[in-house]
Amino acid sequence: MQITVECQQRQPNSTPNALRREGLIPAVLYGHKGAESISLTIAAKTVETLLKKAAVNNTPIDLNITDISWTGKTLLREVQKHPYKNYPYHLSFFAISSQDSVEVELPLHFVGDAVGVKTQGGILDPILTQLHVKCKPDSIPESIDIDVSALQIGEQLLVKEIGLPSGVTALNDAEQTVVHILAPQLSTETETATEESA
């Protein structure tokens, strides 16, 4: 999925609150020239649409700074939101085109019907829903599919056992559990203990 965002360089004398009153969200771009950064403004409606499509540290975004003719592939590194109104008031982008590799968080999708669930009555219990990986900026997968169909009750899948696309390296602990299959009575006991401690 290709996402393109148009923005402009922020004027030096502008204040964040004044920009927001004009329907603009302050932003910043890092990584395009070493330690340099560019202060930006993006239309609030554009930001609203962007946040429905892009995830922090996951989705490549083509950023187009129209008034200085800069275009490049970026990642959304941070979204600052108003503490109680919950609307975004500042975005941070990181240019990845010039990087040899980038670190991103990829969502995990569990596919297949686990034997331990389908025929043994167990419960699929995901421990991780995202994986921290390193890959080339032009080869960022949208997600990682994990086949759980062979898992039986009591079995687990570790990070080191995940089949990753070529060029993608997991940065999580290799021995970390990704998903396991709980026995039915284990789940019932856990629920009972939770109810009693509540």
N, C-alpha and C. Protein backbone atom coordinates (compact mmCIF):
# COMPACT_ATOMS: atom_id res chain seq x y z
N MET A 1 0.84 -1.19 0.00
CA MET A 1 0.00 0.00 0.00
C MET A 1 0.88 1.25 0.00
N GLN A 2 0.70 2.09 -1.00
CA GLN A 2 1.50 3.32 -1.11
C GLN A 2 0.73 4.49 -0.50
N ILE A 3 1.39 5.21 0.40
CA ILE A 3 0.79 6.38 1.04
C ILE A 3 1.64 7.60 0.71
N THR A 4 1.02 8.62 0.17
CA THR A 4 1.72 9.87 -0.14
C THR A 4 1.13 11.01 0.68
N VAL A 5 2.01 11.77 1.32
CA VAL A 5 1.57 12.90 2.15
C VAL A 5 2.26 14.17 1.65
N GLU A 6 1.47 15.19 1.38
CA GLU A 6 2.03 16.48 0.99
C GLU A 6 2.05 17.42 2.20
N CYS A 7 3.14 18.17 2.32
CA CYS A 7 3.26 19.12 3.44
C CYS A 7 4.11 20.30 2.99
N GLN A 8 4.31 21.24 3.90
CA GLN A 8 5.13 22.41 3.60
C GLN A 8 6.09 22.67 4.75
N GLN A 9 7.15 23.41 4.43
CA GLN A 9 8.09 23.80 5.46
C GLN A 9 7.43 24.82 6.38
N ARG A 10 7.65 24.65 7.66
CA ARG A 10 7.04 25.56 8.64
C ARG A 10 7.79 26.89 8.68
N GLN A 11 7.05 27.98 8.70
CA GLN A 11 7.66 29.30 8.76
C GLN A 11 8.29 29.53 10.14
N PRO A 12 9.48 30.15 10.19
CA PRO A 12 10.23 30.31 11.44
C PRO A 12 9.45 31.04 12.54
N ASN A 13 8.61 32.00 12.19
CA ASN A 13 7.93 32.80 13.21
C ASN A 13 6.55 32.24 13.61
N SER A 14 6.19 31.07 13.09
CA SER A 14 4.87 30.51 13.40
C SER A 14 4.89 29.79 14.75
N THR A 15 3.78 29.85 15.47
CA THR A 15 3.68 29.15 16.76
C THR A 15 2.75 27.94 16.59
N PRO A 16 3.02 26.86 17.33
CA PRO A 16 2.21 25.65 17.19
C PRO A 16 0.72 25.89 17.38
N ASN A 17 0.34 26.65 18.39
CA ASN A 17 -1.08 26.88 18.64
C ASN A 17 -1.75 27.66 17.51
N ALA A 18 -1.03 28.65 16.97
CA ALA A 18 -1.58 29.43 15.86
C ALA A 18 -1.77 28.53 14.64
N LEU A 19 -0.81 27.65 14.40
CA LEU A 19 -0.92 26.71 13.27
C LEU A 19 -2.14 25.81 13.43
N ARG A 20 -2.34 25.29 14.64
CA ARG A 20 -3.47 24.39 14.87
C ARG A 20 -4.80 25.11 14.67
N ARG A 21 -4.86 26.39 15.05
CA ARG A 21 -6.08 27.16 14.83
C ARG A 21 -6.37 27.33 13.33
N GLU A 22 -5.31 27.29 12.52
CA GLU A 22 -5.47 27.41 11.07
C GLU A 22 -5.72 26.06 10.41
N GLY A 23 -5.85 25.00 11.21
CA GLY A 23 -6.09 23.66 10.65
C GLY A 23 -4.83 22.97 10.18
N LEU A 24 -3.69 23.36 10.76
CA LEU A 24 -2.40 22.75 10.40
C LEU A 24 -1.80 22.05 11.61
N ILE A 25 -1.12 20.94 11.37
CA ILE A 25 -0.46 20.20 12.45
C ILE A 25 1.05 20.33 12.27
N PRO A 26 1.78 20.78 13.31
CA PRO A 26 3.24 20.85 13.22
C PRO A 26 3.84 19.44 13.11
N ALA A 27 4.94 19.35 12.38
CA ALA A 27 5.63 18.06 12.21
C ALA A 27 7.12 18.34 12.01
N VAL A 28 7.92 17.26 12.03
CA VAL A 28 9.35 17.41 11.82
C VAL A 28 9.85 16.19 11.05
N LEU A 29 10.84 16.42 10.21
CA LEU A 29 11.48 15.34 9.45
C LEU A 29 12.93 15.23 9.88
N TYR A 30 13.35 14.01 10.25
CA TYR A 30 14.74 13.73 10.61
C TYR A 30 15.34 12.76 9.59
N GLY A 31 16.65 12.67 9.58
CA GLY A 31 17.33 11.61 8.84
C GLY A 31 17.59 11.86 7.38
N HIS A 32 17.11 12.98 6.85
CA HIS A 32 17.33 13.23 5.41
C HIS A 32 18.74 13.74 5.14
N LYS A 33 19.34 14.41 6.14
CA LYS A 33 20.71 14.92 6.03
C LYS A 33 21.39 14.81 7.37
N GLY A 34 21.81 13.62 7.72
CA GLY A 34 22.49 13.43 9.00
C GLY A 34 21.65 13.86 10.17
N ALA A 35 22.19 14.80 10.98
CA ALA A 35 21.50 15.25 12.19
C ALA A 35 20.54 16.42 11.92
N GLU A 36 20.50 16.91 10.68
CA GLU A 36 19.62 18.04 10.37
C GLU A 36 18.15 17.62 10.44
N SER A 37 17.30 18.60 10.68
CA SER A 37 15.86 18.33 10.67
C SER A 37 15.15 19.47 9.94
N ILE A 38 13.94 19.18 9.46
CA ILE A 38 13.12 20.20 8.82
C ILE A 38 11.80 20.29 9.58
N SER A 39 11.43 21.51 9.99
CA SER A 39 10.13 21.72 10.63
C SER A 39 9.07 21.86 9.54
N LEU A 40 7.96 21.17 9.72
CA LEU A 40 6.92 21.09 8.69
C LEU A 40 5.56 21.44 9.23
N THR A 41 4.61 21.64 8.31
CA THR A 41 3.19 21.72 8.68
C THR A 41 2.42 20.83 7.71
N ILE A 42 1.41 20.15 8.26
CA ILE A 42 0.56 19.27 7.47
C ILE A 42 -0.89 19.60 7.78
N ALA A 43 -1.74 19.63 6.77
CA ALA A 43 -3.16 19.90 6.98
C ALA A 43 -3.75 18.86 7.93
N ALA A 44 -4.55 19.33 8.88
CA ALA A 44 -5.13 18.43 9.88
C ALA A 44 -5.93 17.30 9.24
N LYS A 45 -6.65 17.60 8.15
CA LYS A 45 -7.43 16.55 7.47
C LYS A 45 -6.52 15.50 6.86
N THR A 46 -5.36 15.93 6.37
CA THR A 46 -4.38 14.99 5.81
C THR A 46 -3.86 14.07 6.91
N VAL A 47 -3.59 14.65 8.08
CA VAL A 47 -3.11 13.87 9.22
C VAL A 47 -4.16 12.85 9.65
N GLU A 48 -5.41 13.27 9.69
CA GLU A 48 -6.50 12.37 10.08
C GLU A 48 -6.56 11.16 9.15
N THR A 49 -6.46 11.41 7.85
CA THR A 49 -6.47 10.32 6.86
C THR A 49 -5.23 9.44 7.00
N LEU A 50 -4.07 10.07 7.20
CA LEU A 50 -2.81 9.34 7.35
C LEU A 50 -2.87 8.35 8.50
N LEU A 51 -3.37 8.80 9.66
CA LEU A 51 -3.37 7.97 10.85
C LEU A 51 -4.35 6.79 10.75
N LYS A 52 -5.27 6.85 9.80
CA LYS A 52 -6.17 5.72 9.57
C LYS A 52 -5.47 4.63 8.74
N LYS A 53 -4.43 5.04 8.00
CA LYS A 53 -3.77 4.10 7.09
C LYS A 53 -2.40 3.65 7.57
N ALA A 54 -1.71 4.52 8.31
CA ALA A 54 -0.32 4.25 8.67
C ALA A 54 -0.16 3.98 10.16
N ALA A 55 0.76 3.09 10.47
CA ALA A 55 1.08 2.78 11.86
C ALA A 55 2.48 3.28 12.18
N VAL A 56 2.70 3.70 13.42
CA VAL A 56 4.00 4.19 13.86
C VAL A 56 5.04 3.08 13.71
N ASN A 57 6.20 3.43 13.14
CA ASN A 57 7.32 2.50 12.95
C ASN A 57 6.97 1.28 12.12
N ASN A 58 6.03 1.44 11.20
CA ASN A 58 5.63 0.28 10.40
C ASN A 58 5.42 0.60 8.93
N THR A 59 4.70 1.68 8.63
CA THR A 59 4.22 1.91 7.27
C THR A 59 5.09 2.93 6.51
N PRO A 60 5.68 2.54 5.37
CA PRO A 60 6.43 3.50 4.57
C PRO A 60 5.50 4.58 4.01
N ILE A 61 5.95 5.82 4.11
CA ILE A 61 5.15 6.97 3.65
C ILE A 61 6.00 7.81 2.71
N ASP A 62 5.48 8.09 1.52
CA ASP A 62 6.16 9.00 0.60
C ASP A 62 5.81 10.43 1.01
N LEU A 63 6.81 11.14 1.55
CA LEU A 63 6.59 12.51 2.03
C LEU A 63 7.03 13.49 0.96
N ASN A 64 6.15 14.42 0.63
CA ASN A 64 6.43 15.41 -0.41
C ASN A 64 6.34 16.80 0.20
N ILE A 65 7.52 17.45 0.37
CA ILE A 65 7.55 18.82 0.91
C ILE A 65 7.51 19.76 -0.28
N THR A 66 6.32 20.27 -0.57
CA THR A 66 6.07 20.93 -1.86
C THR A 66 6.87 22.21 -2.08
N ASP A 67 7.08 23.00 -1.02
CA ASP A 67 7.71 24.31 -1.24
C ASP A 67 9.23 24.26 -1.31
N ILE A 68 9.85 23.13 -0.98
CA ILE A 68 11.31 23.02 -1.14
C ILE A 68 11.68 21.86 -2.07
N SER A 69 10.66 21.29 -2.71
CA SER A 69 10.86 20.22 -3.70
C SER A 69 11.67 19.05 -3.13
N TRP A 70 11.29 18.61 -1.93
CA TRP A 70 11.92 17.41 -1.36
C TRP A 70 10.89 16.29 -1.31
N THR A 71 11.25 15.15 -1.84
CA THR A 71 10.39 13.97 -1.77
C THR A 71 11.22 12.78 -1.36
N GLY A 72 10.70 11.98 -0.44
CA GLY A 72 11.43 10.79 -0.02
C GLY A 72 10.56 9.85 0.77
N LYS A 73 11.06 8.64 0.93
CA LYS A 73 10.33 7.63 1.69
C LYS A 73 10.65 7.79 3.18
N THR A 74 9.63 7.77 4.01
CA THR A 74 9.81 7.99 5.44
C THR A 74 9.01 6.98 6.25
N LEU A 75 9.30 6.96 7.54
CA LEU A 75 8.47 6.24 8.51
C LEU A 75 7.94 7.25 9.52
N LEU A 76 6.74 7.03 9.97
CA LEU A 76 6.17 7.84 11.04
C LEU A 76 6.75 7.32 12.35
N ARG A 77 7.59 8.13 13.01
CA ARG A 77 8.28 7.67 14.22
C ARG A 77 7.48 7.95 15.50
N GLU A 78 6.74 9.07 15.50
CA GLU A 78 6.03 9.43 16.74
C GLU A 78 4.80 10.28 16.41
N VAL A 79 3.74 10.01 17.14
CA VAL A 79 2.53 10.84 17.07
C VAL A 79 2.23 11.34 18.48
N GLN A 80 2.36 12.64 18.68
CA GLN A 80 2.02 13.20 19.99
C GLN A 80 0.56 13.63 19.96
N LYS A 81 -0.19 13.23 20.99
CA LYS A 81 -1.61 13.57 21.04
C LYS A 81 -1.92 14.41 22.26
N HIS A 82 -2.97 15.21 22.14
CA HIS A 82 -3.42 16.03 23.26
C HIS A 82 -3.79 15.10 24.42
N PRO A 83 -3.36 15.41 25.64
CA PRO A 83 -3.53 14.49 26.76
C PRO A 83 -4.95 14.05 27.06
N TYR A 84 -5.94 14.92 26.84
CA TYR A 84 -7.31 14.47 27.13
C TYR A 84 -8.27 14.62 25.95
N LYS A 85 -7.94 15.48 24.99
CA LYS A 85 -8.80 15.59 23.80
C LYS A 85 -8.45 14.54 22.74
N ASN A 86 -7.24 13.95 22.86
CA ASN A 86 -6.80 12.82 22.05
C ASN A 86 -6.63 13.12 20.56
N TYR A 87 -6.56 14.40 20.18
CA TYR A 87 -6.29 14.67 18.77
C TYR A 87 -4.78 14.87 18.60
N PRO A 88 -4.25 14.54 17.41
CA PRO A 88 -2.80 14.68 17.20
C PRO A 88 -2.38 16.14 17.15
N TYR A 89 -1.26 16.46 17.79
CA TYR A 89 -0.78 17.84 17.72
C TYR A 89 0.68 17.95 17.29
N HIS A 90 1.35 16.82 17.04
CA HIS A 90 2.70 16.88 16.48
C HIS A 90 3.08 15.50 15.94
N LEU A 91 3.71 15.49 14.74
CA LEU A 91 4.17 14.24 14.13
C LEU A 91 5.68 14.31 13.89
N SER A 92 6.33 13.16 14.00
CA SER A 92 7.76 13.06 13.67
C SER A 92 7.95 12.01 12.58
N PHE A 93 8.64 12.40 11.51
CA PHE A 93 8.94 11.49 10.41
C PHE A 93 10.45 11.24 10.37
N PHE A 94 10.82 10.04 9.88
CA PHE A 94 12.24 9.70 9.74
C PHE A 94 12.47 9.24 8.30
N ALA A 95 13.39 9.92 7.60
CA ALA A 95 13.69 9.56 6.21
C ALA A 95 14.47 8.25 6.16
N ILE A 96 14.00 7.32 5.34
CA ILE A 96 14.63 6.00 5.30
C ILE A 96 15.29 5.70 3.96
N SER A 97 15.06 6.53 2.95
CA SER A 97 15.59 6.25 1.61
C SER A 97 17.11 6.09 1.61
N SER A 98 17.79 6.90 2.42
CA SER A 98 19.26 6.89 2.41
C SER A 98 19.84 5.90 3.42
N GLN A 99 18.99 5.18 4.14
CA GLN A 99 19.47 4.26 5.17
C GLN A 99 19.73 2.88 4.56
N ASP A 100 20.79 2.20 5.06
CA ASP A 100 21.06 0.83 4.62
C ASP A 100 20.00 -0.13 5.15
N SER A 101 19.56 0.13 6.37
CA SER A 101 18.52 -0.71 6.98
C SER A 101 17.74 0.12 7.98
N VAL A 102 16.52 -0.31 8.28
CA VAL A 102 15.68 0.38 9.24
C VAL A 102 15.09 -0.63 10.21
N GLU A 103 14.74 -0.16 11.40
CA GLU A 103 14.06 -1.00 12.38
C GLU A 103 12.59 -0.63 12.41
N VAL A 104 11.74 -1.63 12.28
CA VAL A 104 10.30 -1.39 12.25
C VAL A 104 9.58 -2.43 13.11
N GLU A 105 8.33 -2.11 13.45
CA GLU A 105 7.46 -3.05 14.17
C GLU A 105 6.45 -3.60 13.17
N LEU A 106 6.44 -4.92 12.99
CA LEU A 106 5.53 -5.54 12.04
C LEU A 106 4.43 -6.30 12.77
N PRO A 107 3.17 -6.11 12.38
CA PRO A 107 2.09 -6.87 13.00
C PRO A 107 2.17 -8.35 12.62
N LEU A 108 1.80 -9.22 13.55
CA LEU A 108 1.80 -10.66 13.32
C LEU A 108 0.37 -11.13 13.02
N HIS A 109 0.21 -11.95 11.99
CA HIS A 109 -1.08 -12.54 11.66
C HIS A 109 -0.97 -14.05 11.81
N PHE A 110 -1.77 -14.61 12.67
CA PHE A 110 -1.74 -16.06 12.90
C PHE A 110 -2.71 -16.73 11.94
N VAL A 111 -2.19 -17.63 11.12
CA VAL A 111 -3.01 -18.27 10.09
C VAL A 111 -3.05 -19.79 10.32
N GLY A 112 -4.13 -20.41 9.84
CA GLY A 112 -4.30 -21.84 10.00
C GLY A 112 -5.06 -22.17 11.28
N ASP A 113 -5.63 -23.37 11.32
CA ASP A 113 -6.33 -23.85 12.52
C ASP A 113 -5.42 -24.78 13.28
N ALA A 114 -5.00 -24.36 14.46
CA ALA A 114 -4.09 -25.18 15.27
C ALA A 114 -4.76 -26.50 15.65
N VAL A 115 -4.00 -27.59 15.53
CA VAL A 115 -4.50 -28.92 15.92
C VAL A 115 -4.99 -28.89 17.36
N GLY A 116 -4.22 -28.21 18.22
CA GLY A 116 -4.56 -28.16 19.65
C GLY A 116 -5.86 -27.44 19.93
N VAL A 117 -6.29 -26.60 19.01
CA VAL A 117 -7.56 -25.88 19.15
C VAL A 117 -8.68 -26.65 18.46
N LYS A 118 -8.41 -27.07 17.24
CA LYS A 118 -9.44 -27.68 16.39
C LYS A 118 -9.89 -29.04 16.88
N THR A 119 -8.93 -29.87 17.29
CA THR A 119 -9.27 -31.26 17.65
C THR A 119 -9.09 -31.57 19.13
N GLN A 120 -8.37 -30.71 19.86
CA GLN A 120 -8.09 -31.01 21.27
C GLN A 120 -8.78 -30.04 22.23
N GLY A 121 -9.47 -29.04 21.69
CA GLY A 121 -10.22 -28.13 22.55
C GLY A 121 -9.39 -27.08 23.26
N GLY A 122 -8.14 -26.93 22.84
CA GLY A 122 -7.27 -25.94 23.48
C GLY A 122 -7.59 -24.52 23.02
N ILE A 123 -6.82 -23.56 23.55
CA ILE A 123 -7.05 -22.14 23.25
C ILE A 123 -5.75 -21.53 22.74
N LEU A 124 -5.85 -20.86 21.58
CA LEU A 124 -4.69 -20.16 21.02
C LEU A 124 -4.43 -18.91 21.85
N ASP A 125 -3.21 -18.79 22.38
CA ASP A 125 -2.87 -17.66 23.25
C ASP A 125 -1.65 -16.91 22.69
N PRO A 126 -1.89 -15.85 21.89
CA PRO A 126 -0.76 -15.08 21.35
C PRO A 126 -0.08 -14.27 22.45
N ILE A 127 1.24 -14.36 22.52
CA ILE A 127 2.01 -13.58 23.49
C ILE A 127 2.49 -12.28 22.84
N LEU A 128 2.89 -12.37 21.57
CA LEU A 128 3.31 -11.19 20.82
C LEU A 128 2.29 -10.90 19.72
N THR A 129 2.02 -9.63 19.49
CA THR A 129 1.17 -9.24 18.36
C THR A 129 1.97 -8.45 17.33
N GLN A 130 3.21 -8.06 17.70
CA GLN A 130 4.11 -7.36 16.79
C GLN A 130 5.51 -7.91 16.95
N LEU A 131 6.31 -7.81 15.90
CA LEU A 131 7.69 -8.26 15.95
C LEU A 131 8.60 -7.10 15.56
N HIS A 132 9.65 -6.89 16.35
CA HIS A 132 10.63 -5.83 16.08
C HIS A 132 11.67 -6.42 15.13
N VAL A 133 11.78 -5.84 13.93
CA VAL A 133 12.68 -6.41 12.92
C VAL A 133 13.56 -5.34 12.30
N LYS A 134 14.59 -5.81 11.60
CA LYS A 134 15.46 -4.93 10.81
C LYS A 134 15.42 -5.42 9.37
N CYS A 135 15.31 -4.48 8.43
CA CYS A 135 15.28 -4.85 7.01
C CYS A 135 15.66 -3.64 6.17
N LYS A 136 15.78 -3.84 4.86
CA LYS A 136 16.08 -2.73 3.96
C LYS A 136 14.84 -1.83 3.83
N PRO A 137 15.05 -0.53 3.67
CA PRO A 137 13.91 0.39 3.63
C PRO A 137 12.96 0.15 2.46
N ASP A 138 13.45 -0.47 1.39
CA ASP A 138 12.58 -0.73 0.25
C ASP A 138 11.98 -2.14 0.28
N SER A 139 12.18 -2.85 1.41
CA SER A 139 11.67 -4.22 1.52
C SER A 139 10.93 -4.44 2.83
N ILE A 140 10.14 -3.45 3.26
CA ILE A 140 9.41 -3.58 4.52
C ILE A 140 8.10 -4.32 4.28
N PRO A 141 7.94 -5.52 4.86
CA PRO A 141 6.67 -6.23 4.69
C PRO A 141 5.55 -5.51 5.45
N GLU A 142 4.31 -5.65 4.98
CA GLU A 142 3.19 -5.04 5.69
C GLU A 142 2.91 -5.79 6.99
N SER A 143 3.15 -7.10 6.99
CA SER A 143 2.91 -7.93 8.17
C SER A 143 3.64 -9.25 8.00
N ILE A 144 3.60 -10.07 9.03
CA ILE A 144 4.22 -11.40 8.98
C ILE A 144 3.15 -12.44 9.31
N ASP A 145 2.97 -13.39 8.39
CA ASP A 145 2.02 -14.49 8.63
C ASP A 145 2.73 -15.62 9.35
N ILE A 146 2.08 -16.13 10.40
CA ILE A 146 2.64 -17.24 11.18
C ILE A 146 1.67 -18.41 11.14
N ASP A 147 2.12 -19.53 10.58
CA ASP A 147 1.28 -20.72 10.46
C ASP A 147 1.28 -21.46 11.79
N VAL A 148 0.11 -21.54 12.41
CA VAL A 148 0.01 -22.20 13.73
C VAL A 148 -0.68 -23.56 13.62
N SER A 149 -0.94 -24.04 12.40
CA SER A 149 -1.77 -25.23 12.22
C SER A 149 -1.19 -26.49 12.86
N ALA A 150 0.13 -26.58 13.02
CA ALA A 150 0.75 -27.80 13.57
C ALA A 150 0.83 -27.80 15.10
N LEU A 151 0.50 -26.68 15.74
CA LEU A 151 0.66 -26.58 17.20
C LEU A 151 -0.40 -27.39 17.94
N GLN A 152 0.05 -28.17 18.93
CA GLN A 152 -0.83 -28.95 19.79
C GLN A 152 -0.85 -28.34 21.19
N ILE A 153 -1.75 -28.84 22.02
CA ILE A 153 -1.85 -28.33 23.40
C ILE A 153 -0.49 -28.46 24.10
N GLY A 154 -0.09 -27.37 24.75
CA GLY A 154 1.18 -27.37 25.47
C GLY A 154 2.37 -26.95 24.62
N GLU A 155 2.17 -26.86 23.32
CA GLU A 155 3.27 -26.47 22.44
C GLU A 155 3.30 -24.95 22.24
N GLN A 156 4.50 -24.45 21.90
CA GLN A 156 4.66 -23.02 21.68
C GLN A 156 5.55 -22.78 20.47
N LEU A 157 5.50 -21.57 19.97
CA LEU A 157 6.34 -21.16 18.86
C LEU A 157 7.22 -20.02 19.35
N LEU A 158 8.53 -20.16 19.13
CA LEU A 158 9.48 -19.14 19.59
C LEU A 158 9.85 -18.21 18.44
N VAL A 159 10.40 -17.04 18.78
CA VAL A 159 10.81 -16.07 17.77
C VAL A 159 11.76 -16.70 16.76
N LYS A 160 12.72 -17.51 17.23
CA LYS A 160 13.71 -18.12 16.33
C LYS A 160 13.09 -19.13 15.37
N GLU A 161 11.86 -19.55 15.63
CA GLU A 161 11.21 -20.55 14.77
C GLU A 161 10.30 -19.92 13.71
N ILE A 162 10.18 -18.60 13.72
CA ILE A 162 9.33 -17.92 12.74
C ILE A 162 10.04 -17.88 11.39
N GLY A 163 9.31 -18.21 10.34
CA GLY A 163 9.86 -18.10 8.99
C GLY A 163 9.71 -16.66 8.50
N LEU A 164 10.82 -15.94 8.43
CA LEU A 164 10.79 -14.53 8.04
C LEU A 164 11.13 -14.38 6.55
N PRO A 165 10.59 -13.34 5.91
CA PRO A 165 10.95 -13.08 4.50
C PRO A 165 12.45 -12.83 4.37
N SER A 166 12.97 -13.07 3.19
CA SER A 166 14.39 -12.84 2.91
C SER A 166 14.77 -11.40 3.20
N GLY A 167 15.89 -11.21 3.92
CA GLY A 167 16.37 -9.87 4.23
C GLY A 167 15.78 -9.26 5.48
N VAL A 168 14.87 -9.98 6.15
CA VAL A 168 14.25 -9.49 7.38
C VAL A 168 14.83 -10.24 8.56
N THR A 169 15.33 -9.51 9.56
CA THR A 169 15.93 -10.11 10.75
C THR A 169 15.17 -9.69 12.00
N ALA A 170 14.77 -10.66 12.81
CA ALA A 170 14.06 -10.36 14.06
C ALA A 170 15.04 -9.82 15.09
N LEU A 171 14.63 -8.78 15.82
CA LEU A 171 15.47 -8.18 16.86
C LEU A 171 15.00 -8.56 18.26
N ASN A 172 13.84 -9.22 18.37
CA ASN A 172 13.39 -9.72 19.67
C ASN A 172 14.31 -10.83 20.14
N ASP A 173 14.24 -11.15 21.43
CA ASP A 173 14.97 -12.29 21.98
C ASP A 173 14.56 -13.55 21.23
N ALA A 174 15.53 -14.30 20.72
CA ALA A 174 15.25 -15.49 19.91
C ALA A 174 14.45 -16.54 20.68
N GLU A 175 14.59 -16.56 22.01
CA GLU A 175 13.90 -17.57 22.82
C GLU A 175 12.53 -17.09 23.32
N GLN A 176 12.13 -15.89 22.93
CA GLN A 176 10.85 -15.35 23.37
C GLN A 176 9.69 -16.10 22.73
N THR A 177 8.67 -16.42 23.54
CA THR A 177 7.49 -17.11 23.02
C THR A 177 6.62 -16.15 22.24
N VAL A 178 6.22 -16.59 21.04
CA VAL A 178 5.33 -15.80 20.20
C VAL A 178 3.88 -16.17 20.45
N VAL A 179 3.61 -17.47 20.50
CA VAL A 179 2.25 -17.96 20.69
C VAL A 179 2.32 -19.37 21.28
N HIS A 180 1.34 -19.73 22.09
CA HIS A 180 1.27 -21.11 22.56
C HIS A 180 -0.19 -21.54 22.67
N ILE A 181 -0.38 -22.86 22.86
CA ILE A 181 -1.72 -23.41 22.94
C ILE A 181 -1.98 -23.83 24.39
N LEU A 182 -2.99 -23.22 25.00
CA LEU A 182 -3.36 -23.53 26.38
C LEU A 182 -4.35 -24.69 26.42
N ALA A 183 -4.22 -25.53 27.46
CA ALA A 183 -5.23 -26.56 27.69
C ALA A 183 -6.50 -25.90 28.19
N PRO A 184 -7.68 -26.46 27.89
CA PRO A 184 -8.95 -25.85 28.30
C PRO A 184 -9.04 -25.61 29.80
N GLN A 185 -8.61 -26.62 30.62
CA GLN A 185 -8.72 -26.46 32.06
C GLN A 185 -7.78 -25.38 32.58
N LEU A 186 -6.64 -25.19 31.91
CA LEU A 186 -5.72 -24.11 32.30
C LEU A 186 -6.40 -22.77 32.18
N SER A 187 -7.10 -22.59 31.07
CA SER A 187 -7.81 -21.32 30.83
C SER A 187 -8.87 -21.08 31.89
N THR A 188 -9.63 -22.16 32.24
CA THR A 188 -10.70 -22.04 33.24
C THR A 188 -10.12 -21.68 34.61
N GLU A 189 -9.00 -22.35 34.97
CA GLU A 189 -8.37 -22.05 36.26
C GLU A 189 -7.88 -20.60 36.30
N THR A 190 -7.32 -20.13 35.17
CA THR A 190 -6.82 -18.76 35.13
C THR A 190 -7.96 -17.76 35.30
N GLU A 191 -9.09 -18.02 34.63
CA GLU A 191 -10.24 -17.13 34.75
C GLU A 191 -10.78 -17.11 36.18
N THR A 192 -10.83 -18.29 36.82
CA THR A 192 -11.33 -18.39 38.19
C THR A 192 -10.43 -17.61 39.14
N ALA A 193 -9.10 -17.78 38.94
CA ALA A 193 -8.15 -17.08 39.81
C ALA A 193 -8.28 -15.56 39.61
N THR A 194 -8.49 -15.16 38.37
CA THR A 194 -8.64 -13.73 38.10
C THR A 194 -9.90 -13.18 38.77
N GLU A 195 -11.00 -13.94 38.70
CA GLU A 195 -12.25 -13.50 39.32
C GLU A 195 -12.10 -13.40 40.84
N GLU A 196 -11.39 -14.38 41.44
CA GLU A 196 -11.25 -14.38 42.89
C GLU A 196 -10.38 -13.23 43.38
N SER A 197 -9.38 -12.84 42.53
CA SER A 197 -8.48 -11.77 42.95
C SER A 197 -9.08 -10.38 42.66
N ALA A 198 -10.16 -10.35 41.87
CA ALA A 198 -10.76 -9.06 41.51
C ALA A 198 -11.52 -8.46 42.68
